[in-house]
Amino acid sequence: MTTNGIRRRAGFARVRQKGCLRYASRMKRLPARLCARPRILFVGINPSLRSAEVGHHFAGPGNPFWRLLHAAKLIDEPFTHVDEVKLPGLGLALTNICARATRAASELSPEEFKAGRAALAKLIAKTKPEVVAFVGVTVYREFFGPKAPGGAGPKPERIGDARVFVVPNPSGLNASYPGFDDKLVWFRRLKRFVDTR
């Protein structure tokens, strides 16, 4: 469909922001995939526009999150984004610190992160995970503050009784961990971290 010669994507509305024409998603917010006392609660920053469009987490065509889970033996069978509904049955949970889908995390406001920190703390207190695995250093630092130690791996903080671990953001844009194997090392370490209490 076109409006004034501009093609409109289904499910998106045109909006003007700071003099620029943009498309804002009218998609529903992605539901968290939760269970009581998960072995691991994965926490992402926020959904991508693609994830919001299709209604599933980590749905970008080049995002290896689901392949990493399988290769690290965190799940027994290969998954794609449509299989995320199976996570709670495996004792795994998935959420985001911010619910709004964006092209880049830099589009999120400090107010959204502040509200997200409070909501995430309540969610962790309610679900009581064994391990909170932040998917990327950015989301980890957004939760604990900018002085939190960088890098992937186990962290000194606890959230209630939950231990904390950081895995690399699976995005192909992650320059610190550019290849699949660079990321897989840390997903495998997460598996060992969870298995050794």
C-alpha atoms as a PDB file:
ATOM      1  CA  MET A   1       0.000   0.000   0.000  1.00  0.00           C
ATOM      2  CA  THR A   2       1.289   3.489  -0.764  1.00  0.00           C
ATOM      3  CA  THR A   3       0.576   6.825   0.890  1.00  0.00           C
ATOM      4  CA  ASN A   4       1.789   9.967  -0.855  1.00  0.00           C
ATOM      5  CA  GLY A   5       4.096   7.833  -2.953  1.00  0.00           C
ATOM      6  CA  ILE A   6       5.651   6.150   0.117  1.00  0.00           C
ATOM      7  CA  ARG A   7       5.239   2.418   0.442  1.00  0.00           C
ATOM      8  CA  ARG A   8       3.812   1.330   3.791  1.00  0.00           C
ATOM      9  CA  ARG A   9       4.699  -1.970   5.389  1.00  0.00           C
ATOM     10  CA  ALA A  10       1.864  -4.012   6.857  1.00  0.00           C
ATOM     11  CA  GLY A  11       1.642  -3.537  10.608  1.00  0.00           C
ATOM     12  CA  PHE A  12       3.562  -0.244  10.609  1.00  0.00           C
ATOM     13  CA  ALA A  13       2.260   3.318  10.874  1.00  0.00           C
ATOM     14  CA  ARG A  14       3.947   6.447   9.552  1.00  0.00           C
ATOM     15  CA  VAL A  15       4.963   8.916  12.227  1.00  0.00           C
ATOM     16  CA  ARG A  16       6.899  12.167  12.172  1.00  0.00           C
ATOM     17  CA  GLN A  17       9.639  12.516  14.741  1.00  0.00           C
ATOM     18  CA  LYS A  18      12.015  15.477  14.815  1.00  0.00           C
ATOM     19  CA  GLY A  19      11.077  16.336  11.242  1.00  0.00           C
ATOM     20  CA  CYS A  20      11.854  12.850   9.893  1.00  0.00           C
ATOM     21  CA  LEU A  21       9.365  10.403   8.494  1.00  0.00           C
ATOM     22  CA  ARG A  22       9.655   7.082  10.305  1.00  0.00           C
ATOM     23  CA  TYR A  23       7.679   3.900  10.580  1.00  0.00           C
ATOM     24  CA  ALA A  24       6.650   2.876  14.074  1.00  0.00           C
ATOM     25  CA  SER A  25       5.741  -0.677  14.867  1.00  0.00           C
ATOM     26  CA  ARG A  26       2.158  -1.366  15.859  1.00  0.00           C
ATOM     27  CA  MET A  27       3.069  -4.936  16.661  1.00  0.00           C
ATOM     28  CA  LYS A  28       2.197  -6.439  20.003  1.00  0.00           C
ATOM     29  CA  ARG A  29       4.944  -6.554  22.573  1.00  0.00           C
ATOM     30  CA  LEU A  30       6.666  -9.896  22.723  1.00  0.00           C
ATOM     31  CA  PRO A  31       5.620 -12.033  25.660  1.00  0.00           C
ATOM     32  CA  ALA A  32       8.288 -13.196  28.052  1.00  0.00           C
ATOM     33  CA  ARG A  33       8.722 -16.968  28.056  1.00  0.00           C
ATOM     34  CA  LEU A  34       8.616 -17.825  31.751  1.00  0.00           C
ATOM     35  CA  CYS A  35       8.388 -20.681  34.216  1.00  0.00           C
ATOM     36  CA  ALA A  36       8.794 -20.951  37.969  1.00  0.00           C
ATOM     37  CA  ARG A  37      12.378 -21.467  39.158  1.00  0.00           C
ATOM     38  CA  PRO A  38      14.062 -21.697  35.744  1.00  0.00           C
ATOM     39  CA  ARG A  39      17.602 -23.021  35.564  1.00  0.00           C
ATOM     40  CA  ILE A  40      18.424 -19.987  33.396  1.00  0.00           C
ATOM     41  CA  LEU A  41      16.581 -16.733  32.783  1.00  0.00           C
ATOM     42  CA  PHE A  42      17.988 -15.163  29.608  1.00  0.00           C
ATOM     43  CA  VAL A  43      17.660 -11.366  29.580  1.00  0.00           C
ATOM     44  CA  GLY A  44      18.015  -9.455  26.318  1.00  0.00           C
ATOM     45  CA  ILE A  45      17.997  -5.698  25.782  1.00  0.00           C
ATOM     46  CA  ASN A  46      14.845  -5.381  23.670  1.00  0.00           C
ATOM     47  CA  PRO A  47      13.238  -6.990  20.624  1.00  0.00           C
ATOM     48  CA  SER A  48      14.427  -6.176  17.127  1.00  0.00           C
ATOM     49  CA  LEU A  49      11.915  -4.852  14.614  1.00  0.00           C
ATOM     50  CA  ARG A  50      12.015  -8.253  12.909  1.00  0.00           C
ATOM     51  CA  SER A  51      11.207 -10.029  16.187  1.00  0.00           C
ATOM     52  CA  ALA A  52       8.272  -7.686  16.771  1.00  0.00           C
ATOM     53  CA  GLU A  53       7.070  -8.200  13.221  1.00  0.00           C
ATOM     54  CA  VAL A  54       7.008 -12.009  13.469  1.00  0.00           C
ATOM     55  CA  GLY A  55       6.174 -12.204  17.193  1.00  0.00           C
ATOM     56  CA  HIS A  56       9.215 -14.202  18.336  1.00  0.00           C
ATOM     57  CA  HIS A  57      12.457 -13.447  20.195  1.00  0.00           C
ATOM     58  CA  PHE A  58      15.813 -13.531  18.356  1.00  0.00           C
ATOM     59  CA  ALA A  59      14.066 -13.838  14.989  1.00  0.00           C
ATOM     60  CA  GLY A  60      16.585 -11.938  12.854  1.00  0.00           C
ATOM     61  CA  PRO A  61      17.661 -14.071   9.899  1.00  0.00           C
ATOM     62  CA  GLY A  62      21.343 -13.939  10.850  1.00  0.00           C
ATOM     63  CA  ASN A  63      20.930 -14.111  14.621  1.00  0.00           C
ATOM     64  CA  PRO A  64      22.535 -17.343  15.889  1.00  0.00           C
ATOM     65  CA  PHE A  65      21.003 -17.329  19.410  1.00  0.00           C
ATOM     66  CA  TRP A  66      18.998 -20.531  18.902  1.00  0.00           C
ATOM     67  CA  ARG A  67      21.893 -22.337  17.181  1.00  0.00           C
ATOM     68  CA  LEU A  68      24.186 -21.302  20.043  1.00  0.00           C
ATOM     69  CA  LEU A  69      21.815 -22.781  22.640  1.00  0.00           C
ATOM     70  CA  HIS A  70      21.824 -26.101  20.804  1.00  0.00           C
ATOM     71  CA  ALA A  71      25.553 -26.172  20.040  1.00  0.00           C
ATOM     72  CA  ALA A  72      26.295 -25.470  23.728  1.00  0.00           C
ATOM     73  CA  LYS A  73      23.932 -28.303  24.730  1.00  0.00           C
ATOM     74  CA  LEU A  74      21.661 -25.941  26.665  1.00  0.00           C
ATOM     75  CA  ILE A  75      18.814 -27.470  24.623  1.00  0.00           C
ATOM     76  CA  ASP A  76      18.741 -31.024  23.258  1.00  0.00           C
ATOM     77  CA  GLU A  77      17.287 -30.350  19.823  1.00  0.00           C
ATOM     78  CA  PRO A  78      17.761 -27.597  17.245  1.00  0.00           C
ATOM     79  CA  PHE A  79      15.378 -24.659  17.719  1.00  0.00           C
ATOM     80  CA  THR A  80      14.361 -21.702  15.627  1.00  0.00           C
ATOM     81  CA  HIS A  81      12.601 -18.628  16.950  1.00  0.00           C
ATOM     82  CA  VAL A  82       9.190 -20.288  16.545  1.00  0.00           C
ATOM     83  CA  ASP A  83      10.231 -22.951  19.068  1.00  0.00           C
ATOM     84  CA  GLU A  84      10.732 -20.422  21.891  1.00  0.00           C
ATOM     85  CA  VAL A  85       7.418 -21.569  23.416  1.00  0.00           C
ATOM     86  CA  LYS A  86       9.181 -24.825  24.375  1.00  0.00           C
ATOM     87  CA  LEU A  87      11.724 -23.073  26.633  1.00  0.00           C
ATOM     88  CA  PRO A  88       9.673 -23.117  29.875  1.00  0.00           C
ATOM     89  CA  GLY A  89       9.192 -26.879  29.548  1.00  0.00           C
ATOM     90  CA  LEU A  90      12.984 -27.214  29.534  1.00  0.00           C
ATOM     91  CA  GLY A  91      13.430 -25.068  32.639  1.00  0.00           C
ATOM     92  CA  LEU A  92      14.573 -22.061  30.626  1.00  0.00           C
ATOM     93  CA  ALA A  93      13.057 -18.587  30.521  1.00  0.00           C
ATOM     94  CA  LEU A  94      13.509 -15.543  28.293  1.00  0.00           C
ATOM     95  CA  THR A  95      12.669 -11.855  28.665  1.00  0.00           C
ATOM     96  CA  ASN A  96      13.985  -8.378  27.810  1.00  0.00           C
ATOM     97  CA  ILE A  97      14.849  -5.423  30.018  1.00  0.00           C
ATOM     98  CA  CYS A  98      12.871  -3.146  27.647  1.00  0.00           C
ATOM     99  CA  ALA A  99       9.773  -4.256  25.795  1.00  0.00           C
ATOM    100  CA  ARG A 100       9.735  -1.735  22.933  1.00  0.00           C
ATOM    101  CA  ALA A 101      11.096  -2.994  19.632  1.00  0.00           C
ATOM    102  CA  THR A 102      13.686  -0.791  17.934  1.00  0.00           C
ATOM    103  CA  ARG A 103      16.178  -0.950  15.103  1.00  0.00           C
ATOM    104  CA  ALA A 104      19.004  -0.326  17.615  1.00  0.00           C
ATOM    105  CA  ALA A 105      19.192  -0.334  21.420  1.00  0.00           C
ATOM    106  CA  SER A 106      20.505   3.232  21.270  1.00  0.00           C
ATOM    107  CA  GLU A 107      16.943   4.320  20.430  1.00  0.00           C
ATOM    108  CA  LEU A 108      15.769   3.368  23.934  1.00  0.00           C
ATOM    109  CA  SER A 109      15.447   6.174  26.471  1.00  0.00           C
ATOM    110  CA  PRO A 110      16.944   6.294  29.980  1.00  0.00           C
ATOM    111  CA  GLU A 111      13.372   6.264  31.313  1.00  0.00           C
ATOM    112  CA  GLU A 112      12.667   2.990  29.498  1.00  0.00           C
ATOM    113  CA  PHE A 113      15.766   1.403  31.002  1.00  0.00           C
ATOM    114  CA  LYS A 114      14.852   2.697  34.481  1.00  0.00           C
ATOM    115  CA  ALA A 115      11.356   1.208  34.222  1.00  0.00           C
ATOM    116  CA  GLY A 116      12.835  -1.982  32.745  1.00  0.00           C
ATOM    117  CA  ARG A 117      15.278  -2.408  35.651  1.00  0.00           C
ATOM    118  CA  ALA A 118      12.442  -2.177  38.170  1.00  0.00           C
ATOM    119  CA  ALA A 119      10.229  -4.593  36.220  1.00  0.00           C
ATOM    120  CA  LEU A 120      13.092  -7.058  35.729  1.00  0.00           C
ATOM    121  CA  ALA A 121      13.979  -7.028  39.430  1.00  0.00           C
ATOM    122  CA  LYS A 122      10.349  -7.871  40.262  1.00  0.00           C
ATOM    123  CA  LEU A 123      10.266 -10.615  37.635  1.00  0.00           C
ATOM    124  CA  ILE A 124      13.451 -12.185  39.002  1.00  0.00           C
ATOM    125  CA  ALA A 125      12.080 -12.048  42.559  1.00  0.00           C
ATOM    126  CA  LYS A 126       8.886 -13.742  41.361  1.00  0.00           C
ATOM    127  CA  THR A 127      10.376 -16.478  39.149  1.00  0.00           C
ATOM    128  CA  LYS A 128      13.481 -17.219  41.297  1.00  0.00           C
ATOM    129  CA  PRO A 129      15.894 -18.381  38.571  1.00  0.00           C
ATOM    130  CA  GLU A 130      19.082 -20.247  39.462  1.00  0.00           C
ATOM    131  CA  VAL A 131      21.076 -18.146  36.968  1.00  0.00           C
ATOM    132  CA  VAL A 132      20.305 -14.854  35.268  1.00  0.00           C
ATOM    133  CA  ALA A 133      22.145 -14.834  31.930  1.00  0.00           C
ATOM    134  CA  PHE A 134      22.359 -11.363  30.444  1.00  0.00           C
ATOM    135  CA  VAL A 135      22.578 -11.576  26.659  1.00  0.00           C
ATOM    136  CA  GLY A 136      25.269  -8.952  26.142  1.00  0.00           C
ATOM    137  CA  VAL A 137      27.372  -6.677  28.302  1.00  0.00           C
ATOM    138  CA  THR A 138      25.144  -3.710  27.461  1.00  0.00           C
ATOM    139  CA  VAL A 139      22.056  -5.166  29.136  1.00  0.00           C
ATOM    140  CA  TYR A 140      24.149  -6.343  32.101  1.00  0.00           C
ATOM    141  CA  ARG A 141      25.497  -2.806  32.621  1.00  0.00           C
ATOM    142  CA  GLU A 142      22.066  -1.289  32.135  1.00  0.00           C
ATOM    143  CA  PHE A 143      20.884  -3.414  35.053  1.00  0.00           C
ATOM    144  CA  PHE A 144      23.882  -3.063  37.396  1.00  0.00           C
ATOM    145  CA  GLY A 145      25.263   0.314  36.306  1.00  0.00           C
ATOM    146  CA  PRO A 146      28.109   1.509  34.088  1.00  0.00           C
ATOM    147  CA  LYS A 147      30.831   0.570  36.604  1.00  0.00           C
ATOM    148  CA  ALA A 148      29.916  -3.125  36.468  1.00  0.00           C
ATOM    149  CA  PRO A 149      32.842  -5.183  35.115  1.00  0.00           C
ATOM    150  CA  GLY A 150      32.815  -5.728  31.370  1.00  0.00           C
ATOM    151  CA  GLY A 151      33.225  -8.868  29.326  1.00  0.00           C
ATOM    152  CA  ALA A 152      31.440 -12.165  29.131  1.00  0.00           C
ATOM    153  CA  GLY A 153      31.472 -14.818  31.837  1.00  0.00           C
ATOM    154  CA  PRO A 154      30.442 -15.270  35.471  1.00  0.00           C
ATOM    155  CA  LYS A 155      29.894 -12.082  37.450  1.00  0.00           C
ATOM    156  CA  PRO A 156      30.296 -11.356  41.169  1.00  0.00           C
ATOM    157  CA  GLU A 157      26.803  -9.959  41.685  1.00  0.00           C
ATOM    158  CA  ARG A 158      23.774 -11.893  42.804  1.00  0.00           C
ATOM    159  CA  ILE A 159      20.139 -10.994  42.275  1.00  0.00           C
ATOM    160  CA  GLY A 160      18.423 -12.495  45.278  1.00  0.00           C
ATOM    161  CA  ASP A 161      19.741 -16.063  45.234  1.00  0.00           C
ATOM    162  CA  ALA A 162      20.376 -16.053  41.478  1.00  0.00           C
ATOM    163  CA  ARG A 163      23.928 -16.178  40.184  1.00  0.00           C
ATOM    164  CA  VAL A 164      24.790 -13.903  37.263  1.00  0.00           C
ATOM    165  CA  PHE A 165      26.469 -14.708  33.947  1.00  0.00           C
ATOM    166  CA  VAL A 166      26.945 -12.703  30.745  1.00  0.00           C
ATOM    167  CA  VAL A 167      26.970 -14.294  27.290  1.00  0.00           C
ATOM    168  CA  PRO A 168      27.920 -12.252  24.221  1.00  0.00           C
ATOM    169  CA  ASN A 169      25.176 -10.502  22.326  1.00  0.00           C
ATOM    170  CA  PRO A 170      24.594 -12.882  19.382  1.00  0.00           C
ATOM    171  CA  SER A 171      24.221 -10.067  16.865  1.00  0.00           C
ATOM    172  CA  GLY A 172      26.531 -10.202  13.871  1.00  0.00           C
ATOM    173  CA  LEU A 173      27.342  -6.569  14.651  1.00  0.00           C
ATOM    174  CA  ASN A 174      29.098  -7.608  17.878  1.00  0.00           C
ATOM    175  CA  ALA A 175      32.713  -6.650  17.089  1.00  0.00           C
ATOM    176  CA  SER A 176      34.069  -8.111  20.348  1.00  0.00           C
ATOM    177  CA  TYR A 177      32.771 -11.593  19.491  1.00  0.00           C
ATOM    178  CA  PRO A 178      32.421 -11.525  15.698  1.00  0.00           C
ATOM    179  CA  GLY A 179      32.110 -15.203  14.815  1.00  0.00           C
ATOM    180  CA  PHE A 180      29.859 -18.044  15.877  1.00  0.00           C
ATOM    181  CA  ASP A 181      32.724 -19.877  17.610  1.00  0.00           C
ATOM    182  CA  ASP A 182      33.722 -16.696  19.486  1.00  0.00           C
ATOM    183  CA  LYS A 183      30.241 -16.619  20.999  1.00  0.00           C
ATOM    184  CA  LEU A 184      29.882 -20.387  21.425  1.00  0.00           C
ATOM    185  CA  VAL A 185      32.808 -20.500  23.891  1.00  0.00           C
ATOM    186  CA  TRP A 186      30.752 -18.408  26.324  1.00  0.00           C
ATOM    187  CA  PHE A 187      27.497 -20.286  25.828  1.00  0.00           C
ATOM    188  CA  ARG A 188      29.403 -23.501  26.637  1.00  0.00           C
ATOM    189  CA  ARG A 189      30.866 -21.842  29.728  1.00  0.00           C
ATOM    190  CA  LEU A 190      27.347 -20.858  30.748  1.00  0.00           C
ATOM    191  CA  LYS A 191      26.336 -24.521  30.479  1.00  0.00           C
ATOM    192  CA  ARG A 192      29.196 -25.551  32.780  1.00  0.00           C
ATOM    193  CA  PHE A 193      28.388 -22.677  35.156  1.00  0.00           C
ATOM    194  CA  VAL A 194      24.786 -23.860  35.447  1.00  0.00           C
ATOM    195  CA  ASP A 195      25.770 -27.509  35.855  1.00  0.00           C
ATOM    196  CA  THR A 196      28.242 -26.753  38.684  1.00  0.00           C
ATOM    197  CA  ARG A 197      26.440 -25.177  41.588  1.00  0.00           C
END
